[in-house]
PDB file of N, CA and C in Angstrom:
ATOM      1  N   MET A   1     -58.120  32.189 138.617  1.00  0.00           N
ATOM      2  CA  MET A   1     -59.461  32.077 139.162  1.00  0.00           C
ATOM      3  C   MET A   1     -59.425  32.051 140.686  1.00  0.00           C
ATOM      4  N   LEU A   2     -58.443  31.362 141.253  1.00  0.00           N
ATOM      5  CA  LEU A   2     -58.382  31.259 142.707  1.00  0.00           C
ATOM      6  C   LEU A   2     -58.047  32.594 143.355  1.00  0.00           C
ATOM      7  N   ALA A   3     -57.027  33.248 142.858  1.00  0.00           N
ATOM      8  CA  ALA A   3     -56.576  34.497 143.481  1.00  0.00           C
ATOM      9  C   ALA A   3     -57.598  35.611 143.343  1.00  0.00           C
ATOM     10  N   HIS A   4     -58.328  35.608 142.253  1.00  0.00           N
ATOM     11  CA  HIS A   4     -59.285  36.687 141.991  1.00  0.00           C
ATOM     12  C   HIS A   4     -60.723  36.294 142.283  1.00  0.00           C
ATOM     13  N   ARG A   5     -60.917  35.094 142.834  1.00  0.00           N
ATOM     14  CA  ARG A   5     -62.260  34.591 143.145  1.00  0.00           C
ATOM     15  C   ARG A   5     -63.193  34.729 141.936  1.00  0.00           C
ATOM     16  N   ALA A   6     -62.713  34.246 140.807  1.00  0.00           N
ATOM     17  CA  ALA A   6     -63.460  34.373 139.557  1.00  0.00           C
ATOM     18  C   ALA A   6     -64.113  33.045 139.183  1.00  0.00           C
ATOM     19  N   GLY A   7     -64.948  32.532 140.056  1.00  0.00           N
ATOM     20  CA  GLY A   7     -65.628  31.271 139.803  1.00  0.00           C
ATOM     21  C   GLY A   7     -66.531  31.304 138.589  1.00  0.00           C
ATOM     22  N   VAL A   8     -66.988  32.489 138.224  1.00  0.00           N
ATOM     23  CA  VAL A   8     -67.866  32.611 137.059  1.00  0.00           C
ATOM     24  C   VAL A   8     -67.144  32.226 135.772  1.00  0.00           C
ATOM     25  N   ASP A   9     -65.802  32.261 135.767  1.00  0.00           N
ATOM     26  CA  ASP A   9     -65.031  31.899 134.579  1.00  0.00           C
ATOM     27  C   ASP A   9     -64.797  30.396 134.454  1.00  0.00           C
ATOM     28  N   LEU A  10     -65.210  29.631 135.447  1.00  0.00           N
ATOM     29  CA  LEU A  10     -64.913  28.200 135.464  1.00  0.00           C
ATOM     30  C   LEU A  10     -65.555  27.448 134.300  1.00  0.00           C
ATOM     31  N   SER A  11     -66.777  27.759 133.973  1.00  0.00           N
ATOM     32  CA  SER A  11     -67.447  27.043 132.876  1.00  0.00           C
ATOM     33  C   SER A  11     -66.677  27.215 131.562  1.00  0.00           C
ATOM     34  N   ASP A  12     -66.181  28.429 131.310  1.00  0.00           N
ATOM     35  CA  ASP A  12     -65.387  28.657 130.102  1.00  0.00           C
ATOM     36  C   ASP A  12     -64.096  27.844 130.143  1.00  0.00           C
ATOM     37  N   TRP A  13     -63.453  27.792 131.315  1.00  0.00           N
ATOM     38  CA  TRP A  13     -62.215  27.041 131.455  1.00  0.00           C
ATOM     39  C   TRP A  13     -62.461  25.553 131.186  1.00  0.00           C
ATOM     40  N   ILE A  14     -63.557  25.023 131.728  1.00  0.00           N
ATOM     41  CA  ILE A  14     -63.874  23.606 131.522  1.00  0.00           C
ATOM     42  C   ILE A  14     -64.120  23.325 130.047  1.00  0.00           C
ATOM     43  N   ARG A  15     -64.788  24.242 129.367  1.00  0.00           N
ATOM     44  CA  ARG A  15     -65.054  24.068 127.940  1.00  0.00           C
ATOM     45  C   ARG A  15     -63.770  24.065 127.116  1.00  0.00           C
ATOM     46  N   THR A  16     -62.789  24.886 127.490  1.00  0.00           N
ATOM     47  CA  THR A  16     -61.554  24.983 126.711  1.00  0.00           C
ATOM     48  C   THR A  16     -60.479  24.005 127.166  1.00  0.00           C
ATOM     49  N   ALA A  17     -60.634  23.365 128.307  1.00  0.00           N
ATOM     50  CA  ALA A  17     -59.612  22.474 128.860  1.00  0.00           C
ATOM     51  C   ALA A  17     -59.202  21.335 127.919  1.00  0.00           C
ATOM     52  N   PRO A  18     -60.132  20.664 127.242  1.00  0.00           N
ATOM     53  CA  PRO A  18     -59.708  19.563 126.367  1.00  0.00           C
ATOM     54  C   PRO A  18     -58.764  19.995 125.248  1.00  0.00           C
ATOM     55  N   ALA A  19     -58.847  21.238 124.813  1.00  0.00           N
ATOM     56  CA  ALA A  19     -57.995  21.721 123.731  1.00  0.00           C
ATOM     57  C   ALA A  19     -56.528  21.829 124.157  1.00  0.00           C
ATOM     58  N   THR A  20     -56.252  21.859 125.459  1.00  0.00           N
ATOM     59  CA  THR A  20     -54.866  21.981 125.923  1.00  0.00           C
ATOM     60  C   THR A  20     -54.074  20.715 125.676  1.00  0.00           C
ATOM     61  N   LYS A  21     -54.755  19.592 125.583  1.00  0.00           N
ATOM     62  CA  LYS A  21     -54.125  18.279 125.371  1.00  0.00           C
ATOM     63  C   LYS A  21     -53.116  17.943 126.469  1.00  0.00           C
ATOM     64  N   VAL A  22     -53.317  18.505 127.652  1.00  0.00           N
ATOM     65  CA  VAL A  22     -52.477  18.178 128.809  1.00  0.00           C
ATOM     66  C   VAL A  22     -53.115  16.973 129.497  1.00  0.00           C
ATOM     67  N   PRO A  23     -52.342  15.906 129.712  1.00  0.00           N
ATOM     68  CA  PRO A  23     -52.923  14.713 130.340  1.00  0.00           C
ATOM     69  C   PRO A  23     -53.566  15.035 131.686  1.00  0.00           C
ATOM     70  N   GLY A  24     -54.770  14.558 131.870  1.00  0.00           N
ATOM     71  CA  GLY A  24     -55.477  14.728 133.136  1.00  0.00           C
ATOM     72  C   GLY A  24     -56.382  15.942 133.215  1.00  0.00           C
ATOM     73  N   ILE A  25     -56.147  16.945 132.397  1.00  0.00           N
ATOM     74  CA  ILE A  25     -56.944  18.179 132.479  1.00  0.00           C
ATOM     75  C   ILE A  25     -58.386  17.930 132.054  1.00  0.00           C
ATOM     76  N   THR A  26     -58.585  17.161 131.006  1.00  0.00           N
ATOM     77  CA  THR A  26     -59.946  16.882 130.541  1.00  0.00           C
ATOM     78  C   THR A  26     -60.741  16.151 131.621  1.00  0.00           C
ATOM     79  N   GLY A  27     -60.150  15.118 132.208  1.00  0.00           N
ATOM     80  CA  GLY A  27     -60.827  14.370 133.270  1.00  0.00           C
ATOM     81  C   GLY A  27     -61.079  15.221 134.500  1.00  0.00           C
ATOM     82  N   PHE A  28     -60.110  16.078 134.832  1.00  0.00           N
ATOM     83  CA  PHE A  28     -60.278  16.979 135.973  1.00  0.00           C
ATOM     84  C   PHE A  28     -61.443  17.927 135.726  1.00  0.00           C
ATOM     85  N   GLY A  29     -61.494  18.506 134.538  1.00  0.00           N
ATOM     86  CA  GLY A  29     -62.592  19.412 134.187  1.00  0.00           C
ATOM     87  C   GLY A  29     -63.937  18.706 134.231  1.00  0.00           C
ATOM     88  N   TYR A  30     -63.969  17.482 133.715  1.00  0.00           N
ATOM     89  CA  TYR A  30     -65.215  16.705 133.753  1.00  0.00           C
ATOM     90  C   TYR A  30     -65.626  16.432 135.198  1.00  0.00           C
ATOM     91  N   GLY A  31     -64.665  16.096 136.034  1.00  0.00           N
ATOM     92  CA  GLY A  31     -64.962  15.831 137.444  1.00  0.00           C
ATOM     93  C   GLY A  31     -65.545  17.039 138.154  1.00  0.00           C
ATOM     94  N   LEU A  32     -65.091  18.219 137.772  1.00  0.00           N
ATOM     95  CA  LEU A  32     -65.625  19.441 138.380  1.00  0.00           C
ATOM     96  C   LEU A  32     -67.100  19.640 138.051  1.00  0.00           C
ATOM     97  N   THR A  33     -67.528  19.136 136.905  1.00  0.00           N
ATOM     98  CA  THR A  33     -68.920  19.343 136.492  1.00  0.00           C
ATOM     99  C   THR A  33     -69.910  18.520 137.300  1.00  0.00           C
ATOM    100  N   THR A  34     -69.440  17.523 138.050  1.00  0.00           N
ATOM    101  CA  THR A  34     -70.372  16.698 138.818  1.00  0.00           C
ATOM    102  C   THR A  34     -71.060  17.504 139.912  1.00  0.00           C
ATOM    103  N   ASP A  35     -70.405  18.545 140.408  1.00  0.00           N
ATOM    104  CA  ASP A  35     -71.037  19.435 141.388  1.00  0.00           C
ATOM    105  C   ASP A  35     -70.580  20.858 141.108  1.00  0.00           C
ATOM    106  N   LEU A  36     -70.875  21.314 139.909  1.00  0.00           N
ATOM    107  CA  LEU A  36     -70.380  22.595 139.410  1.00  0.00           C
ATOM    108  C   LEU A  36     -70.792  23.765 140.293  1.00  0.00           C
ATOM    109  N   ASP A  37     -72.013  23.765 140.796  1.00  0.00           N
ATOM    110  CA  ASP A  37     -72.458  24.886 141.640  1.00  0.00           C
ATOM    111  C   ASP A  37     -71.595  25.015 142.891  1.00  0.00           C
ATOM    112  N   ALA A  38     -71.262  23.896 143.504  1.00  0.00           N
ATOM    113  CA  ALA A  38     -70.430  23.928 144.709  1.00  0.00           C
ATOM    114  C   ALA A  38     -69.012  24.395 144.384  1.00  0.00           C
ATOM    115  N   VAL A  39     -68.469  23.947 143.267  1.00  0.00           N
ATOM    116  CA  VAL A  39     -67.116  24.350 142.883  1.00  0.00           C
ATOM    117  C   VAL A  39     -67.079  25.851 142.579  1.00  0.00           C
ATOM    118  N   ILE A  40     -68.071  26.348 141.871  1.00  0.00           N
ATOM    119  CA  ILE A  40     -68.128  27.780 141.577  1.00  0.00           C
ATOM    120  C   ILE A  40     -68.259  28.581 142.866  1.00  0.00           C
ATOM    121  N   ALA A  41     -69.078  28.113 143.790  1.00  0.00           N
ATOM    122  CA  ALA A  41     -69.216  28.803 145.075  1.00  0.00           C
ATOM    123  C   ALA A  41     -67.885  28.802 145.822  1.00  0.00           C
ATOM    124  N   GLY A  42     -67.165  27.692 145.777  1.00  0.00           N
ATOM    125  CA  GLY A  42     -65.869  27.619 146.437  1.00  0.00           C
ATOM    126  C   GLY A  42     -64.850  28.567 145.853  1.00  0.00           C
ATOM    127  N   LEU A  43     -64.981  28.847 144.567  1.00  0.00           N
ATOM    128  CA  LEU A  43     -64.072  29.779 143.908  1.00  0.00           C
ATOM    129  C   LEU A  43     -64.544  31.224 144.008  1.00  0.00           C
ATOM    130  N   THR A  44     -65.738  31.447 144.508  1.00  0.00           N
ATOM    131  CA  THR A  44     -66.313  32.789 144.516  1.00  0.00           C
ATOM    132  C   THR A  44     -66.498  33.333 145.931  1.00  0.00           C
ATOM    133  N   VAL A  45     -67.030  32.514 146.811  1.00  0.00           N
ATOM    134  CA  VAL A  45     -67.381  32.956 148.160  1.00  0.00           C
ATOM    135  C   VAL A  45     -66.119  33.117 149.004  1.00  0.00           C
ATOM    136  N   ARG A  46     -66.076  34.165 149.780  1.00  0.00           N
ATOM    137  CA  ARG A  46     -64.943  34.429 150.658  1.00  0.00           C
ATOM    138  C   ARG A  46     -65.199  33.699 151.982  1.00  0.00           C
ATOM    139  N   TRP A  47     -64.675  32.490 152.090  1.00  0.00           N
ATOM    140  CA  TRP A  47     -64.930  31.636 153.254  1.00  0.00           C
ATOM    141  C   TRP A  47     -63.749  30.710 153.427  1.00  0.00           C
ATOM    142  N   SER A  48     -63.386  30.426 154.648  1.00  0.00           N
ATOM    143  CA  SER A  48     -62.239  29.568 154.903  1.00  0.00           C
ATOM    144  C   SER A  48     -62.548  28.594 156.029  1.00  0.00           C
ATOM    145  N   SER A  49     -62.104  27.364 155.877  1.00  0.00           N
ATOM    146  CA  SER A  49     -62.261  26.366 156.932  1.00  0.00           C
ATOM    147  C   SER A  49     -60.937  26.163 157.664  1.00  0.00           C
ATOM    148  N   GLY A  50     -60.019  27.106 157.522  1.00  0.00           N
ATOM    149  CA  GLY A  50     -58.700  26.988 158.126  1.00  0.00           C
ATOM    150  C   GLY A  50     -58.736  26.809 159.628  1.00  0.00           C
ATOM    151  N   GLY A  51     -59.585  27.576 160.320  1.00  0.00           N
ATOM    152  CA  GLY A  51     -59.674  27.455 161.769  1.00  0.00           C
ATOM    153  C   GLY A  51     -60.147  26.087 162.207  1.00  0.00           C
ATOM    154  N   THR A  52     -61.131  25.567 161.516  1.00  0.00           N
ATOM    155  CA  THR A  52     -61.661  24.241 161.835  1.00  0.00           C
ATOM    156  C   THR A  52     -60.622  23.163 161.561  1.00  0.00           C
ATOM    157  N   GLU A  53     -59.937  23.274 160.425  1.00  0.00           N
ATOM    158  CA  GLU A  53     -58.905  22.296 160.092  1.00  0.00           C
ATOM    159  C   GLU A  53     -57.769  22.333 161.112  1.00  0.00           C
ATOM    160  N   GLY A  54     -57.391  23.528 161.543  1.00  0.00           N
ATOM    161  CA  GLY A  54     -56.337  23.651 162.538  1.00  0.00           C
ATOM    162  C   GLY A  54     -56.723  22.988 163.852  1.00  0.00           C
ATOM    163  N   ALA A  55     -57.967  23.201 164.277  1.00  0.00           N
ATOM    164  CA  ALA A  55     -58.443  22.582 165.520  1.00  0.00           C
ATOM    165  C   ALA A  55     -58.454  21.064 165.400  1.00  0.00           C
ATOM    166  N   ALA A  56     -58.901  20.561 164.270  1.00  0.00           N
ATOM    167  CA  ALA A  56     -58.931  19.105 164.073  1.00  0.00           C
ATOM    168  C   ALA A  56     -57.522  18.524 164.101  1.00  0.00           C
ATOM    169  N   ASN A  57     -56.573  19.216 163.491  1.00  0.00           N
ATOM    170  CA  ASN A  57     -55.194  18.731 163.493  1.00  0.00           C
ATOM    171  C   ASN A  57     -54.598  18.759 164.891  1.00  0.00           C
ATOM    172  N   ARG A  58     -54.937  19.772 165.691  1.00  0.00           N
ATOM    173  CA  ARG A  58     -54.444  19.821 167.075  1.00  0.00           C
ATOM    174  C   ARG A  58     -55.001  18.655 167.889  1.00  0.00           C
ATOM    175  N   VAL A  59     -56.274  18.347 167.715  1.00  0.00           N
ATOM    176  CA  VAL A  59     -56.887  17.222 168.432  1.00  0.00           C
ATOM    177  C   VAL A  59     -56.206  15.912 168.038  1.00  0.00           C
ATOM    178  N   LYS A  60     -55.925  15.726 166.761  1.00  0.00           N
ATOM    179  CA  LYS A  60     -55.247  14.511 166.307  1.00  0.00           C
ATOM    180  C   LYS A  60     -53.849  14.404 166.916  1.00  0.00           C
ATOM    181  N   GLU A  61     -53.142  15.524 166.968  1.00  0.00           N
ATOM    182  CA  GLU A  61     -51.794  15.517 167.528  1.00  0.00           C
ATOM    183  C   GLU A  61     -51.818  15.165 169.016  1.00  0.00           C
ATOM    184  N   ILE A  62     -52.762  15.737 169.749  1.00  0.00           N
ATOM    185  CA  ILE A  62     -52.893  15.425 171.176  1.00  0.00           C
ATOM    186  C   ILE A  62     -53.217  13.948 171.359  1.00  0.00           C
ATOM    187  N   ARG A  63     -54.105  13.420 170.543  1.00  0.00           N
ATOM    188  CA  ARG A  63     -54.470  12.008 170.623  1.00  0.00           C
ATOM    189  C   ARG A  63     -53.249  11.128 170.394  1.00  0.00           C
ATOM    190  N   ARG A  64     -52.440  11.477 169.390  1.00  0.00           N
ATOM    191  CA  ARG A  64     -51.238  10.696 169.113  1.00  0.00           C
ATOM    192  C   ARG A  64     -50.281  10.738 170.297  1.00  0.00           C
ATOM    193  N   GLN A  65     -50.137  11.919 170.895  1.00  0.00           N
ATOM    194  CA  GLN A  65     -49.211  12.051 172.017  1.00  0.00           C
ATOM    195  C   GLN A  65     -49.701  11.294 173.247  1.00  0.00           C
ATOM    196  N   LEU A  66     -50.984  11.385 173.520  1.00  0.00           N
ATOM    197  CA  LEU A  66     -51.532  10.760 174.722  1.00  0.00           C
ATOM    198  C   LEU A  66     -51.585   9.240 174.625  1.00  0.00           C
ATOM    199  N   TYR A  67     -51.998   8.762 173.500  1.00  0.00           N
ATOM    200  CA  TYR A  67     -52.225   7.334 173.359  1.00  0.00           C
ATOM    201  C   TYR A  67     -51.151   6.627 172.553  1.00  0.00           C
ATOM    202  N   ASP A  68     -50.182   7.403 172.058  1.00  0.00           N
ATOM    203  CA  ASP A  68     -49.116   6.848 171.248  1.00  0.00           C
ATOM    204  C   ASP A  68     -49.686   5.978 170.135  1.00  0.00           C
ATOM    205  N   ALA A  69     -50.791   6.450 169.569  1.00  0.00           N
ATOM    206  CA  ALA A  69     -51.475   5.698 168.520  1.00  0.00           C
ATOM    207  C   ALA A  69     -51.152   6.300 167.157  1.00  0.00           C
ATOM    208  N   PRO A  70     -50.999   5.474 166.167  1.00  0.00           N
ATOM    209  CA  PRO A  70     -50.788   6.004 164.819  1.00  0.00           C
ATOM    210  C   PRO A  70     -52.052   6.683 164.315  1.00  0.00           C
ATOM    211  N   ASP A  71     -51.877   7.596 163.400  1.00  0.00           N
ATOM    212  CA  ASP A  71     -53.003   8.286 162.784  1.00  0.00           C
ATOM    213  C   ASP A  71     -53.915   7.257 162.112  1.00  0.00           C
ATOM    214  N   SER A  72     -55.209   7.500 162.131  1.00  0.00           N
ATOM    215  CA  SER A  72     -56.153   6.553 161.537  1.00  0.00           C
ATOM    216  C   SER A  72     -55.945   6.399 160.041  1.00  0.00           C
ATOM    217  N   ASN A  73     -55.313   7.396 159.388  1.00  0.00           N
ATOM    218  CA  ASN A  73     -55.038   7.313 157.960  1.00  0.00           C
ATOM    219  C   ASN A  73     -53.733   6.589 157.680  1.00  0.00           C
ATOM    220  N   SER A  74     -52.975   6.308 158.711  1.00  0.00           N
ATOM    221  CA  SER A  74     -51.681   5.671 158.542  1.00  0.00           C
ATOM    222  C   SER A  74     -51.858   4.182 158.259  1.00  0.00           C
ATOM    223  N   SER A  75     -51.027   3.652 157.392  1.00  0.00           N
ATOM    224  CA  SER A  75     -51.130   2.220 157.071  1.00  0.00           C
ATOM    225  C   SER A  75     -50.310   1.371 158.046  1.00  0.00           C
ATOM    226  N   ALA A  76     -49.389   1.999 158.774  1.00  0.00           N
ATOM    227  CA  ALA A  76     -48.566   1.238 159.730  1.00  0.00           C
ATOM    228  C   ALA A  76     -49.305   1.124 161.059  1.00  0.00           C
ATOM    229  N   ARG A  77     -49.476  -0.069 161.553  1.00  0.00           N
ATOM    230  CA  ARG A  77     -50.173  -0.286 162.832  1.00  0.00           C
ATOM    231  C   ARG A  77     -49.396  -1.219 163.687  1.00  0.00           C
TER     232      ARG A  77
END
């Protein structure tokens, strides 16, 4: 689905997921249904936030270097 941007197939996958009996797949499929339209759009629309994520990571790295501060997500302080 990811490689072929086949978000339209997601509903069928969610319906068949419980039959796999793989731990976690049923819950994962159920979780996707909470905002199914957004998930289908994410699997269908050709859009990337890579540039934005890269810029945010560069800003965090500069902040760490300048202020010698741990990342805000880090548990060590």
